[in-house]
Amino acid sequence: MVFVNETCIGCGVCESIAEWIFKVEDGMSHVIKQPENEAENAATKDAIGACPVNAIQEGAPIIEIASSEKMAA
């Protein structure tokens, strides 16, 4: 799974490399579909390497879950 994190600056480099995977909207890149074949995987890896702020990542996004103590506060 590939995703774009909140550090994205919306420069459009990823979209220019893999327009069928990434789309820049509202000043931030978004994944519009996951890569499904070797060509898409290669283009996605190129986009990951070209991102100037390392905002494109592979794997599952890390979601911080608040503890019950924090929720009670």
PDB file of N, CA and C in Angstrom:
ATOM      1  N   MET A   1       0.840  -1.176   0.000  1.00  0.00           N
ATOM      2  CA  MET A   1       0.000   0.000   0.000  1.00  0.00           C
ATOM      3  C   MET A   1       0.889   1.244   0.000  1.00  0.00           C
ATOM      4  N   VAL A   2       0.539   2.196  -0.831  1.00  0.00           N
ATOM      5  CA  VAL A   2       1.274   3.449  -0.888  1.00  0.00           C
ATOM      6  C   VAL A   2       0.346   4.567  -0.419  1.00  0.00           C
ATOM      7  N   PHE A   3       0.911   5.542   0.288  1.00  0.00           N
ATOM      8  CA  PHE A   3       0.113   6.677   0.755  1.00  0.00           C
ATOM      9  C   PHE A   3       0.977   7.926   0.802  1.00  0.00           C
ATOM     10  N   VAL A   4       0.325   9.069   0.869  1.00  0.00           N
ATOM     11  CA  VAL A   4       1.003  10.358   0.973  1.00  0.00           C
ATOM     12  C   VAL A   4       0.699  10.914   2.354  1.00  0.00           C
ATOM     13  N   ASN A   5       1.751  11.276   3.091  1.00  0.00           N
ATOM     14  CA  ASN A   5       1.522  11.800   4.446  1.00  0.00           C
ATOM     15  C   ASN A   5       1.349  13.317   4.442  1.00  0.00           C
ATOM     16  N   GLU A   6       1.156  13.869   5.613  1.00  0.00           N
ATOM     17  CA  GLU A   6       0.821  15.297   5.764  1.00  0.00           C
ATOM     18  C   GLU A   6       1.977  16.248   5.464  1.00  0.00           C
ATOM     19  N   THR A   7       3.166  15.728   5.225  1.00  0.00           N
ATOM     20  CA  THR A   7       4.289  16.615   4.902  1.00  0.00           C
ATOM     21  C   THR A   7       4.304  17.035   3.431  1.00  0.00           C
ATOM     22  N   CYS A   8       3.371  16.508   2.644  1.00  0.00           N
ATOM     23  CA  CYS A   8       3.299  16.823   1.211  1.00  0.00           C
ATOM     24  C   CYS A   8       3.159  18.331   1.004  1.00  0.00           C
ATOM     25  N   ILE A   9       3.918  18.845   0.027  1.00  0.00           N
ATOM     26  CA  ILE A   9       3.854  20.278  -0.298  1.00  0.00           C
ATOM     27  C   ILE A   9       3.115  20.527  -1.618  1.00  0.00           C
ATOM     28  N   GLY A  10       2.590  19.471  -2.221  1.00  0.00           N
ATOM     29  CA  GLY A  10       1.795  19.620  -3.430  1.00  0.00           C
ATOM     30  C   GLY A  10       2.574  20.075  -4.653  1.00  0.00           C
ATOM     31  N   CYS A  11       3.845  19.711  -4.748  1.00  0.00           N
ATOM     32  CA  CYS A  11       4.688  20.182  -5.847  1.00  0.00           C
ATOM     33  C   CYS A  11       4.343  19.532  -7.187  1.00  0.00           C
ATOM     34  N   GLY A  12       3.722  18.357  -7.162  1.00  0.00           N
ATOM     35  CA  GLY A  12       3.293  17.693  -8.377  1.00  0.00           C
ATOM     36  C   GLY A  12       4.304  16.780  -9.032  1.00  0.00           C
ATOM     37  N   VAL A  13       5.474  16.600  -8.416  1.00  0.00           N
ATOM     38  CA  VAL A  13       6.486  15.718  -8.997  1.00  0.00           C
ATOM     39  C   VAL A  13       5.937  14.301  -9.144  1.00  0.00           C
ATOM     40  N   CYS A  14       5.277  13.803  -8.130  1.00  0.00           N
ATOM     41  CA  CYS A  14       4.756  12.435  -8.182  1.00  0.00           C
ATOM     42  C   CYS A  14       3.718  12.282  -9.296  1.00  0.00           C
ATOM     43  N   GLU A  15       2.859  13.270  -9.434  1.00  0.00           N
ATOM     44  CA  GLU A  15       1.836  13.219 -10.485  1.00  0.00           C
ATOM     45  C   GLU A  15       2.474  13.246 -11.872  1.00  0.00           C
ATOM     46  N   SER A  16       3.558  13.988 -12.024  1.00  0.00           N
ATOM     47  CA  SER A  16       4.221  14.038 -13.326  1.00  0.00           C
ATOM     48  C   SER A  16       4.897  12.711 -13.665  1.00  0.00           C
ATOM     49  N   ILE A  17       5.265  11.932 -12.664  1.00  0.00           N
ATOM     50  CA  ILE A  17       5.910  10.640 -12.875  1.00  0.00           C
ATOM     51  C   ILE A  17       4.879   9.525 -13.035  1.00  0.00           C
ATOM     52  N   ALA A  18       3.837   9.543 -12.217  1.00  0.00           N
ATOM     53  CA  ALA A  18       2.833   8.466 -12.206  1.00  0.00           C
ATOM     54  C   ALA A  18       1.438   9.065 -12.079  1.00  0.00           C
ATOM     55  N   GLU A  19       0.963   9.675 -13.167  1.00  0.00           N
ATOM     56  CA  GLU A  19      -0.325  10.384 -13.125  1.00  0.00           C
ATOM     57  C   GLU A  19      -1.512   9.465 -12.887  1.00  0.00           C
ATOM     58  N   TRP A  20      -1.363   8.177 -13.127  1.00  0.00           N
ATOM     59  CA  TRP A  20      -2.451   7.226 -12.890  1.00  0.00           C
ATOM     60  C   TRP A  20      -2.475   6.748 -11.444  1.00  0.00           C
ATOM     61  N   ILE A  21      -1.462   7.127 -10.652  1.00  0.00           N
ATOM     62  CA  ILE A  21      -1.387   6.758  -9.230  1.00  0.00           C
ATOM     63  C   ILE A  21      -1.648   7.966  -8.326  1.00  0.00           C
ATOM     64  N   PHE A  22      -1.108   9.130  -8.704  1.00  0.00           N
ATOM     65  CA  PHE A  22      -1.176  10.330  -7.861  1.00  0.00           C
ATOM     66  C   PHE A  22      -1.926  11.458  -8.557  1.00  0.00           C
ATOM     67  N   LYS A  23      -2.631  12.253  -7.750  1.00  0.00           N
ATOM     68  CA  LYS A  23      -3.288  13.458  -8.254  1.00  0.00           C
ATOM     69  C   LYS A  23      -3.145  14.543  -7.196  1.00  0.00           C
ATOM     70  N   VAL A  24      -2.737  15.733  -7.629  1.00  0.00           N
ATOM     71  CA  VAL A  24      -2.613  16.858  -6.710  1.00  0.00           C
ATOM     72  C   VAL A  24      -3.929  17.632  -6.727  1.00  0.00           C
ATOM     73  N   GLU A  25      -4.523  17.759  -5.560  1.00  0.00           N
ATOM     74  CA  GLU A  25      -5.755  18.522  -5.374  1.00  0.00           C
ATOM     75  C   GLU A  25      -5.669  19.257  -4.053  1.00  0.00           C
ATOM     76  N   ASP A  26      -6.147  20.468  -4.040  1.00  0.00           N
ATOM     77  CA  ASP A  26      -6.180  21.273  -2.811  1.00  0.00           C
ATOM     78  C   ASP A  26      -4.807  21.386  -2.159  1.00  0.00           C
ATOM     79  N   GLY A  27      -3.762  21.501  -2.993  1.00  0.00           N
ATOM     80  CA  GLY A  27      -2.422  21.727  -2.482  1.00  0.00           C
ATOM     81  C   GLY A  27      -1.725  20.528  -1.892  1.00  0.00           C
ATOM     82  N   MET A  28      -2.274  19.315  -2.157  1.00  0.00           N
ATOM     83  CA  MET A  28      -1.655  18.106  -1.623  1.00  0.00           C
ATOM     84  C   MET A  28      -1.876  16.957  -2.594  1.00  0.00           C
ATOM     85  N   SER A  29      -0.902  16.090  -2.692  1.00  0.00           N
ATOM     86  CA  SER A  29      -1.034  14.907  -3.543  1.00  0.00           C
ATOM     87  C   SER A  29      -1.862  13.845  -2.829  1.00  0.00           C
ATOM     88  N   HIS A  30      -2.611  13.100  -3.630  1.00  0.00           N
ATOM     89  CA  HIS A  30      -3.434  12.007  -3.106  1.00  0.00           C
ATOM     90  C   HIS A  30      -3.211  10.776  -3.977  1.00  0.00           C
ATOM     91  N   VAL A  31      -3.264   9.618  -3.357  1.00  0.00           N
ATOM     92  CA  VAL A  31      -3.196   8.369  -4.108  1.00  0.00           C
ATOM     93  C   VAL A  31      -4.597   8.111  -4.650  1.00  0.00           C
ATOM     94  N   ILE A  32      -4.715   7.999  -5.974  1.00  0.00           N
ATOM     95  CA  ILE A  32      -6.030   7.755  -6.568  1.00  0.00           C
ATOM     96  C   ILE A  32      -6.248   6.279  -6.879  1.00  0.00           C
ATOM     97  N   LYS A  33      -5.176   5.514  -6.923  1.00  0.00           N
ATOM     98  CA  LYS A  33      -5.275   4.059  -7.036  1.00  0.00           C
ATOM     99  C   LYS A  33      -3.950   3.443  -6.625  1.00  0.00           C
ATOM    100  N   GLN A  34      -4.008   2.261  -6.116  1.00  0.00           N
ATOM    101  CA  GLN A  34      -2.806   1.539  -5.733  1.00  0.00           C
ATOM    102  C   GLN A  34      -2.179   0.911  -6.987  1.00  0.00           C
ATOM    103  N   PRO A  35      -0.849   0.845  -7.039  1.00  0.00           N
ATOM    104  CA  PRO A  35      -0.198   0.204  -8.182  1.00  0.00           C
ATOM    105  C   PRO A  35      -0.611  -1.264  -8.273  1.00  0.00           C
ATOM    106  N   GLU A  36      -0.842  -1.722  -9.517  1.00  0.00           N
ATOM    107  CA  GLU A  36      -1.348  -3.075  -9.718  1.00  0.00           C
ATOM    108  C   GLU A  36      -0.453  -3.960 -10.569  1.00  0.00           C
ATOM    109  N   ASN A  37       0.586  -3.394 -11.171  1.00  0.00           N
ATOM    110  CA  ASN A  37       1.446  -4.214 -12.019  1.00  0.00           C
ATOM    111  C   ASN A  37       2.882  -3.707 -11.917  1.00  0.00           C
ATOM    112  N   GLU A  38       3.787  -4.373 -12.596  1.00  0.00           N
ATOM    113  CA  GLU A  38       5.207  -4.022 -12.499  1.00  0.00           C
ATOM    114  C   GLU A  38       5.491  -2.594 -12.962  1.00  0.00           C
ATOM    115  N   ALA A  39       4.864  -2.162 -14.054  1.00  0.00           N
ATOM    116  CA  ALA A  39       5.095  -0.808 -14.565  1.00  0.00           C
ATOM    117  C   ALA A  39       4.617   0.235 -13.562  1.00  0.00           C
ATOM    118  N   GLU A  40       3.454   0.017 -12.977  1.00  0.00           N
ATOM    119  CA  GLU A  40       2.925   0.948 -11.974  1.00  0.00           C
ATOM    120  C   GLU A  40       3.779   0.926 -10.710  1.00  0.00           C
ATOM    121  N   ASN A  41       4.244  -0.249 -10.306  1.00  0.00           N
ATOM    122  CA  ASN A  41       5.125  -0.346  -9.130  1.00  0.00           C
ATOM    123  C   ASN A  41       6.424   0.412  -9.378  1.00  0.00           C
ATOM    124  N   ALA A  42       6.981   0.275 -10.572  1.00  0.00           N
ATOM    125  CA  ALA A  42       8.238   0.962 -10.900  1.00  0.00           C
ATOM    126  C   ALA A  42       8.044   2.472 -10.902  1.00  0.00           C
ATOM    127  N   ALA A  43       6.955   2.950 -11.499  1.00  0.00           N
ATOM    128  CA  ALA A  43       6.690   4.388 -11.532  1.00  0.00           C
ATOM    129  C   ALA A  43       6.447   4.933 -10.119  1.00  0.00           C
ATOM    130  N   THR A  44       5.761   4.153  -9.300  1.00  0.00           N
ATOM    131  CA  THR A  44       5.504   4.568  -7.914  1.00  0.00           C
ATOM    132  C   THR A  44       6.812   4.685  -7.143  1.00  0.00           C
ATOM    133  N   LYS A  45       7.699   3.724  -7.326  1.00  0.00           N
ATOM    134  CA  LYS A  45       9.008   3.789  -6.661  1.00  0.00           C
ATOM    135  C   LYS A  45       9.810   4.991  -7.153  1.00  0.00           C
ATOM    136  N   ASP A  46       9.714   5.306  -8.436  1.00  0.00           N
ATOM    137  CA  ASP A  46      10.374   6.506  -8.960  1.00  0.00           C
ATOM    138  C   ASP A  46       9.818   7.763  -8.294  1.00  0.00           C
ATOM    139  N   ALA A  47       8.489   7.809  -8.134  1.00  0.00           N
ATOM    140  CA  ALA A  47       7.855   8.967  -7.486  1.00  0.00           C
ATOM    141  C   ALA A  47       8.276   9.069  -6.025  1.00  0.00           C
ATOM    142  N   ILE A  48       8.366   7.942  -5.344  1.00  0.00           N
ATOM    143  CA  ILE A  48       8.815   7.940  -3.944  1.00  0.00           C
ATOM    144  C   ILE A  48      10.218   8.536  -3.855  1.00  0.00           C
ATOM    145  N   GLY A  49      11.096   8.116  -4.751  1.00  0.00           N
ATOM    146  CA  GLY A  49      12.470   8.614  -4.743  1.00  0.00           C
ATOM    147  C   GLY A  49      12.585  10.073  -5.135  1.00  0.00           C
ATOM    148  N   ALA A  50      11.649  10.564  -5.937  1.00  0.00           N
ATOM    149  CA  ALA A  50      11.710  11.943  -6.420  1.00  0.00           C
ATOM    150  C   ALA A  50      11.040  12.950  -5.496  1.00  0.00           C
ATOM    151  N   CYS A  51      10.238  12.486  -4.563  1.00  0.00           N
ATOM    152  CA  CYS A  51       9.514  13.410  -3.673  1.00  0.00           C
ATOM    153  C   CYS A  51      10.513  14.224  -2.844  1.00  0.00           C
ATOM    154  N   PRO A  52      10.468  15.557  -2.956  1.00  0.00           N
ATOM    155  CA  PRO A  52      11.460  16.375  -2.256  1.00  0.00           C
ATOM    156  C   PRO A  52      11.315  16.406  -0.736  1.00  0.00           C
ATOM    157  N   VAL A  53      10.148  16.008  -0.225  1.00  0.00           N
ATOM    158  CA  VAL A  53       9.945  16.029   1.227  1.00  0.00           C
ATOM    159  C   VAL A  53       9.659  14.634   1.795  1.00  0.00           C
ATOM    160  N   ASN A  54       9.901  13.594   0.982  1.00  0.00           N
ATOM    161  CA  ASN A  54       9.687  12.208   1.421  1.00  0.00           C
ATOM    162  C   ASN A  54       8.289  11.964   1.984  1.00  0.00           C
ATOM    163  N   ALA A  55       7.284  12.542   1.313  1.00  0.00           N
ATOM    164  CA  ALA A  55       5.909  12.419   1.795  1.00  0.00           C
ATOM    165  C   ALA A  55       5.209  11.152   1.308  1.00  0.00           C
ATOM    166  N   ILE A  56       5.775  10.483   0.318  1.00  0.00           N
ATOM    167  CA  ILE A  56       5.161   9.267  -0.210  1.00  0.00           C
ATOM    168  C   ILE A  56       5.801   8.081   0.481  1.00  0.00           C
ATOM    169  N   GLN A  57       4.965   7.216   1.022  1.00  0.00           N
ATOM    170  CA  GLN A  57       5.476   6.079   1.774  1.00  0.00           C
ATOM    171  C   GLN A  57       4.745   4.803   1.387  1.00  0.00           C
ATOM    172  N   GLU A  58       5.416   3.695   1.605  1.00  0.00           N
ATOM    173  CA  GLU A  58       4.810   2.387   1.394  1.00  0.00           C
ATOM    174  C   GLU A  58       4.521   1.761   2.744  1.00  0.00           C
ATOM    175  N   GLY A  59       3.485   0.959   2.805  1.00  0.00           N
ATOM    176  CA  GLY A  59       3.083   0.315   4.043  1.00  0.00           C
ATOM    177  C   GLY A  59       1.769   0.898   4.512  1.00  0.00           C
ATOM    178  N   ALA A  60       1.395   0.578   5.705  1.00  0.00           N
ATOM    179  CA  ALA A  60       0.154   1.097   6.270  1.00  0.00           C
ATOM    180  C   ALA A  60       0.445   2.389   7.012  1.00  0.00           C
ATOM    181  N   PRO A  61      -0.418   3.408   6.849  1.00  0.00           N
ATOM    182  CA  PRO A  61      -0.215   4.646   7.607  1.00  0.00           C
ATOM    183  C   PRO A  61      -0.272   4.376   9.111  1.00  0.00           C
ATOM    184  N   ILE A  62       0.550   5.061   9.856  1.00  0.00           N
ATOM    185  CA  ILE A  62       0.549   4.934  11.318  1.00  0.00           C
ATOM    186  C   ILE A  62      -0.534   5.850  11.862  1.00  0.00           C
ATOM    187  N   ILE A  63      -1.439   5.271  12.604  1.00  0.00           N
ATOM    188  CA  ILE A  63      -2.534   6.038  13.201  1.00  0.00           C
ATOM    189  C   ILE A  63      -2.345   6.027  14.705  1.00  0.00           C
ATOM    190  N   GLU A  64      -2.270   7.212  15.286  1.00  0.00           N
ATOM    191  CA  GLU A  64      -2.104   7.305  16.732  1.00  0.00           C
ATOM    192  C   GLU A  64      -3.459   7.119  17.390  1.00  0.00           C
ATOM    193  N   ILE A  65      -3.524   6.165  18.287  1.00  0.00           N
ATOM    194  CA  ILE A  65      -4.761   5.898  19.008  1.00  0.00           C
ATOM    195  C   ILE A  65      -4.611   6.454  20.409  1.00  0.00           C
ATOM    196  N   ALA A  66      -5.534   7.307  20.773  1.00  0.00           N
ATOM    197  CA  ALA A  66      -5.472   7.944  22.089  1.00  0.00           C
ATOM    198  C   ALA A  66      -5.771   6.904  23.168  1.00  0.00           C
ATOM    199  N   SER A  67      -5.030   6.998  24.237  1.00  0.00           N
ATOM    200  CA  SER A  67      -5.290   6.095  25.354  1.00  0.00           C
ATOM    201  C   SER A  67      -6.562   6.531  26.069  1.00  0.00           C
ATOM    202  N   SER A  68      -7.136   5.649  26.853  1.00  0.00           N
ATOM    203  CA  SER A  68      -8.358   5.986  27.570  1.00  0.00           C
ATOM    204  C   SER A  68      -8.123   7.132  28.540  1.00  0.00           C
ATOM    205  N   GLU A  69      -6.903   7.275  29.076  1.00  0.00           N
ATOM    206  CA  GLU A  69      -6.589   8.379  29.975  1.00  0.00           C
ATOM    207  C   GLU A  69      -6.640   9.709  29.225  1.00  0.00           C
ATOM    208  N   LYS A  70      -6.088   9.737  28.005  1.00  0.00           N
ATOM    209  CA  LYS A  70      -6.122  10.956  27.222  1.00  0.00           C
ATOM    210  C   LYS A  70      -7.538  11.300  26.819  1.00  0.00           C
ATOM    211  N   MET A  71      -8.333  10.290  26.528  1.00  0.00           N
ATOM    212  CA  MET A  71      -9.716  10.515  26.101  1.00  0.00           C
ATOM    213  C   MET A  71     -10.543  11.061  27.247  1.00  0.00           C
ATOM    214  N   ALA A  72     -10.220  10.684  28.471  1.00  0.00           N
ATOM    215  CA  ALA A  72     -10.985  11.118  29.634  1.00  0.00           C
ATOM    216  C   ALA A  72     -10.633  12.562  30.011  1.00  0.00           C
ATOM    217  N   ALA A  73      -9.464  13.023  29.599  1.00  0.00           N
ATOM    218  CA  ALA A  73      -9.015  14.354  29.987  1.00  0.00           C
ATOM    219  C   ALA A  73      -9.777  15.443  29.277  1.00  0.00           C
TER     220      ALA A  73
END
